[in-house]
Amino acid sequence: MAKKYPITRTFTSQNVSVLCFDKNTAEACNMTCVIAPPIDDEAKLEKAVAKKLNNDTIKVIEVVDVETVEKCYGITAEDFMAHAVELDPETRKEL
């Protein structure tokens, strides 16, 4: 019997291809990351990508390509309740 997914959400995100510099190998490399929700402003997008990818050895040089993707995700009610945090219905803050 197929599993049913009664709780579903559709998310829009961006798959971003980035030209980076690897300090260990002294070579340029291509990396990808997912940004959600999508960012329209190019400068803000570059900042978000740099925040995710920059570290001691990798330095983001520039965004090469951006693909906007919309996907539907689902989870069973049992799995949702096992992983979710209970919120106050009025404030939406964690109890």
N, C-alpha and C. Protein backbone atom coordinates (compact mmCIF):
# COMPACT_ATOMS: atom_id res chain seq x y z
N MET A 1 0.84 -1.18 0.00
CA MET A 1 0.00 0.00 0.00
C MET A 1 0.89 1.25 0.00
N ALA A 2 0.53 2.20 -0.82
CA ALA A 2 1.31 3.44 -0.93
C ALA A 2 1.10 4.30 0.32
N LYS A 3 2.16 4.99 0.71
CA LYS A 3 2.09 5.90 1.85
C LYS A 3 1.34 7.16 1.45
N LYS A 4 0.47 7.61 2.33
CA LYS A 4 -0.26 8.85 2.06
C LYS A 4 0.46 10.00 2.75
N TYR A 5 0.46 11.17 2.10
CA TYR A 5 1.10 12.36 2.64
C TYR A 5 0.05 13.43 2.86
N PRO A 6 -0.62 13.39 4.03
CA PRO A 6 -1.71 14.34 4.25
C PRO A 6 -1.26 15.78 4.50
N ILE A 7 0.01 15.98 4.89
CA ILE A 7 0.50 17.34 5.12
C ILE A 7 1.47 17.66 3.99
N THR A 8 1.10 18.64 3.17
CA THR A 8 1.94 19.01 2.03
C THR A 8 2.16 20.52 2.00
N ARG A 9 3.28 20.91 1.43
CA ARG A 9 3.59 22.33 1.21
C ARG A 9 4.36 22.45 -0.09
N THR A 10 4.12 23.52 -0.80
CA THR A 10 4.88 23.82 -2.00
C THR A 10 5.83 24.97 -1.68
N PHE A 11 7.12 24.74 -1.94
CA PHE A 11 8.15 25.73 -1.65
C PHE A 11 8.80 26.19 -2.94
N THR A 12 9.11 27.47 -3.01
CA THR A 12 9.87 28.02 -4.12
C THR A 12 11.26 28.35 -3.59
N SER A 13 12.27 27.92 -4.32
CA SER A 13 13.65 28.18 -3.91
C SER A 13 14.48 28.48 -5.16
N GLN A 14 15.73 28.80 -4.92
CA GLN A 14 16.65 29.08 -6.03
C GLN A 14 17.84 28.14 -5.92
N ASN A 15 18.17 27.47 -7.01
CA ASN A 15 19.41 26.72 -7.11
C ASN A 15 20.43 27.67 -7.73
N VAL A 16 21.45 28.00 -6.96
CA VAL A 16 22.41 29.01 -7.39
C VAL A 16 23.76 28.35 -7.67
N SER A 17 24.27 28.55 -8.90
CA SER A 17 25.61 28.09 -9.26
C SER A 17 26.57 29.25 -9.06
N VAL A 18 27.68 28.97 -8.40
CA VAL A 18 28.60 30.04 -7.98
C VAL A 18 30.03 29.68 -8.36
N LEU A 19 30.75 30.68 -8.87
CA LEU A 19 32.18 30.53 -9.11
C LEU A 19 32.89 30.89 -7.82
N CYS A 20 33.73 29.98 -7.32
CA CYS A 20 34.43 30.17 -6.06
C CYS A 20 35.93 29.99 -6.25
N PHE A 21 36.68 30.43 -5.26
CA PHE A 21 38.12 30.21 -5.26
C PHE A 21 38.46 29.35 -4.05
N ASP A 22 39.17 28.24 -4.30
CA ASP A 22 39.60 27.33 -3.24
C ASP A 22 41.03 27.70 -2.86
N LYS A 23 41.22 28.19 -1.65
CA LYS A 23 42.54 28.65 -1.20
C LYS A 23 43.53 27.48 -1.03
N ASN A 24 43.02 26.28 -0.73
CA ASN A 24 43.91 25.12 -0.55
C ASN A 24 44.57 24.69 -1.85
N THR A 25 43.79 24.69 -2.93
CA THR A 25 44.32 24.24 -4.21
C THR A 25 44.72 25.40 -5.11
N ALA A 26 44.40 26.61 -4.71
CA ALA A 26 44.67 27.81 -5.51
C ALA A 26 44.03 27.72 -6.89
N GLU A 27 42.81 27.18 -6.93
CA GLU A 27 42.07 27.02 -8.19
C GLU A 27 40.64 27.51 -8.02
N ALA A 28 40.07 27.88 -9.16
CA ALA A 28 38.65 28.24 -9.18
C ALA A 28 37.83 26.95 -9.22
N CYS A 29 36.67 26.99 -8.61
CA CYS A 29 35.78 25.82 -8.63
C CYS A 29 34.34 26.30 -8.69
N ASN A 30 33.45 25.44 -9.14
CA ASN A 30 32.03 25.75 -9.17
C ASN A 30 31.34 25.04 -8.02
N MET A 31 30.48 25.76 -7.33
CA MET A 31 29.70 25.19 -6.24
C MET A 31 28.25 25.58 -6.44
N THR A 32 27.37 24.85 -5.78
CA THR A 32 25.95 25.18 -5.84
C THR A 32 25.40 25.26 -4.42
N CYS A 33 24.35 26.05 -4.27
CA CYS A 33 23.64 26.10 -2.99
C CYS A 33 22.18 26.42 -3.27
N VAL A 34 21.35 26.13 -2.28
CA VAL A 34 19.92 26.38 -2.39
C VAL A 34 19.57 27.54 -1.47
N ILE A 35 18.86 28.51 -2.02
CA ILE A 35 18.41 29.67 -1.26
C ILE A 35 16.89 29.66 -1.23
N ALA A 36 16.33 29.75 -0.03
CA ALA A 36 14.88 29.80 0.13
C ALA A 36 14.56 30.76 1.26
N PRO A 37 13.61 31.62 1.08
CA PRO A 37 12.84 31.90 -0.12
C PRO A 37 13.70 32.63 -1.15
N PRO A 38 13.22 32.68 -2.41
CA PRO A 38 13.98 33.33 -3.47
C PRO A 38 14.26 34.81 -3.18
N ILE A 39 15.42 35.26 -3.65
CA ILE A 39 15.83 36.66 -3.48
C ILE A 39 15.96 37.28 -4.87
N ASP A 40 15.24 38.37 -5.12
CA ASP A 40 15.25 39.02 -6.43
C ASP A 40 16.44 39.95 -6.62
N ASP A 41 16.85 40.62 -5.56
CA ASP A 41 17.94 41.58 -5.64
C ASP A 41 19.28 40.85 -5.77
N GLU A 42 20.04 41.17 -6.81
CA GLU A 42 21.29 40.48 -7.10
C GLU A 42 22.33 40.64 -5.99
N ALA A 43 22.44 41.83 -5.44
CA ALA A 43 23.41 42.08 -4.37
C ALA A 43 23.05 41.29 -3.11
N LYS A 44 21.76 41.27 -2.77
CA LYS A 44 21.32 40.51 -1.60
C LYS A 44 21.50 39.01 -1.81
N LEU A 45 21.29 38.55 -3.05
CA LEU A 45 21.48 37.13 -3.36
C LEU A 45 22.95 36.76 -3.19
N GLU A 46 23.85 37.59 -3.70
CA GLU A 46 25.29 37.32 -3.55
C GLU A 46 25.69 37.29 -2.08
N LYS A 47 25.13 38.17 -1.27
CA LYS A 47 25.42 38.18 0.16
C LYS A 47 24.95 36.90 0.84
N ALA A 48 23.73 36.45 0.48
CA ALA A 48 23.18 35.23 1.07
C ALA A 48 24.00 34.00 0.68
N VAL A 49 24.43 33.96 -0.57
CA VAL A 49 25.25 32.84 -1.05
C VAL A 49 26.61 32.86 -0.35
N ALA A 50 27.21 34.03 -0.23
CA ALA A 50 28.52 34.15 0.44
C ALA A 50 28.41 33.71 1.90
N LYS A 51 27.32 34.07 2.55
CA LYS A 51 27.13 33.68 3.94
C LYS A 51 27.07 32.16 4.09
N LYS A 52 26.46 31.50 3.11
CA LYS A 52 26.36 30.03 3.15
C LYS A 52 27.66 29.33 2.77
N LEU A 53 28.38 29.86 1.79
CA LEU A 53 29.52 29.13 1.24
C LEU A 53 30.89 29.59 1.72
N ASN A 54 31.06 30.88 2.01
CA ASN A 54 32.38 31.36 2.42
C ASN A 54 32.82 30.69 3.72
N ASN A 55 34.08 30.26 3.75
CA ASN A 55 34.67 29.72 4.97
C ASN A 55 36.18 29.95 4.90
N ASP A 56 36.94 29.23 5.69
CA ASP A 56 38.40 29.43 5.73
C ASP A 56 39.08 29.10 4.41
N THR A 57 38.50 28.18 3.64
CA THR A 57 39.17 27.74 2.41
C THR A 57 38.45 28.14 1.13
N ILE A 58 37.16 28.45 1.20
CA ILE A 58 36.37 28.79 0.00
C ILE A 58 35.96 30.25 0.05
N LYS A 59 36.14 30.94 -1.07
CA LYS A 59 35.73 32.35 -1.20
C LYS A 59 34.86 32.48 -2.45
N VAL A 60 33.65 33.00 -2.29
CA VAL A 60 32.74 33.20 -3.41
C VAL A 60 33.26 34.36 -4.26
N ILE A 61 33.31 34.12 -5.58
CA ILE A 61 33.74 35.16 -6.51
C ILE A 61 32.52 35.82 -7.15
N GLU A 62 31.64 35.02 -7.77
CA GLU A 62 30.43 35.58 -8.37
C GLU A 62 29.39 34.51 -8.64
N VAL A 63 28.13 34.97 -8.70
CA VAL A 63 27.02 34.09 -9.05
C VAL A 63 27.04 33.89 -10.55
N VAL A 64 26.99 32.63 -10.99
CA VAL A 64 27.05 32.31 -12.41
C VAL A 64 25.66 32.07 -12.99
N ASP A 65 24.82 31.33 -12.25
CA ASP A 65 23.50 30.98 -12.77
C ASP A 65 22.52 30.83 -11.62
N VAL A 66 21.28 31.21 -11.86
CA VAL A 66 20.23 31.08 -10.86
C VAL A 66 19.03 30.41 -11.51
N GLU A 67 18.56 29.33 -10.90
CA GLU A 67 17.38 28.62 -11.40
C GLU A 67 16.34 28.61 -10.29
N THR A 68 15.16 29.14 -10.58
CA THR A 68 14.07 29.13 -9.61
C THR A 68 13.30 27.83 -9.76
N VAL A 69 13.08 27.17 -8.63
CA VAL A 69 12.45 25.85 -8.63
C VAL A 69 11.28 25.85 -7.65
N GLU A 70 10.19 25.24 -8.06
CA GLU A 70 9.04 25.08 -7.18
C GLU A 70 8.80 23.59 -7.00
N LYS A 71 8.81 23.13 -5.74
CA LYS A 71 8.63 21.71 -5.45
C LYS A 71 7.58 21.52 -4.38
N CYS A 72 6.88 20.42 -4.48
CA CYS A 72 5.88 20.05 -3.48
C CYS A 72 6.47 18.98 -2.57
N TYR A 73 6.40 19.21 -1.27
CA TYR A 73 6.91 18.26 -0.29
C TYR A 73 5.76 17.75 0.56
N GLY A 74 5.87 16.53 1.04
CA GLY A 74 4.82 15.96 1.87
C GLY A 74 5.40 15.15 3.01
N ILE A 75 4.60 15.03 4.08
CA ILE A 75 5.02 14.26 5.24
C ILE A 75 3.77 13.68 5.89
N THR A 76 3.91 12.49 6.43
CA THR A 76 2.76 11.89 7.11
C THR A 76 2.50 12.65 8.41
N ALA A 77 1.28 12.57 8.90
CA ALA A 77 0.93 13.27 10.13
C ALA A 77 1.76 12.76 11.30
N GLU A 78 2.02 11.45 11.33
CA GLU A 78 2.81 10.87 12.42
C GLU A 78 4.24 11.43 12.42
N ASP A 79 4.86 11.49 11.24
CA ASP A 79 6.22 12.02 11.15
C ASP A 79 6.25 13.51 11.49
N PHE A 80 5.23 14.23 11.04
CA PHE A 80 5.15 15.65 11.33
C PHE A 80 5.10 15.89 12.83
N MET A 81 4.25 15.18 13.51
CA MET A 81 4.10 15.36 14.96
C MET A 81 5.36 14.93 15.71
N ALA A 82 6.09 13.95 15.18
CA ALA A 82 7.32 13.49 15.83
C ALA A 82 8.43 14.54 15.73
N HIS A 83 8.41 15.37 14.68
CA HIS A 83 9.50 16.31 14.45
C HIS A 83 9.12 17.78 14.68
N ALA A 84 7.84 18.07 14.79
CA ALA A 84 7.39 19.46 14.92
C ALA A 84 7.50 19.96 16.35
N VAL A 85 7.49 21.27 16.50
CA VAL A 85 7.50 21.93 17.80
C VAL A 85 6.12 22.54 18.00
N GLU A 86 5.56 22.34 19.20
CA GLU A 86 4.23 22.88 19.47
C GLU A 86 4.31 24.40 19.64
N LEU A 87 3.36 25.10 19.00
CA LEU A 87 3.33 26.56 19.02
C LEU A 87 2.06 27.06 19.70
N ASP A 88 2.14 28.26 20.26
CA ASP A 88 0.96 28.94 20.79
C ASP A 88 0.10 29.34 19.60
N PRO A 89 -1.18 28.97 19.57
CA PRO A 89 -2.01 29.27 18.40
C PRO A 89 -2.19 30.75 18.11
N GLU A 90 -2.11 31.61 19.14
CA GLU A 90 -2.31 33.04 18.94
C GLU A 90 -1.04 33.76 18.51
N THR A 91 0.09 33.45 19.14
CA THR A 91 1.32 34.18 18.88
C THR A 91 2.23 33.46 17.88
N ARG A 92 1.98 32.18 17.66
CA ARG A 92 2.82 31.33 16.79
C ARG A 92 4.24 31.19 17.33
N LYS A 93 4.40 31.44 18.63
CA LYS A 93 5.71 31.27 19.26
C LYS A 93 5.73 29.92 19.98
N GLU A 94 6.94 29.39 20.12
CA GLU A 94 7.10 28.08 20.76
C GLU A 94 6.60 28.11 22.20
N LEU A 95 5.90 27.04 22.58
CA LEU A 95 5.42 26.94 23.96
C LEU A 95 6.55 26.58 24.89
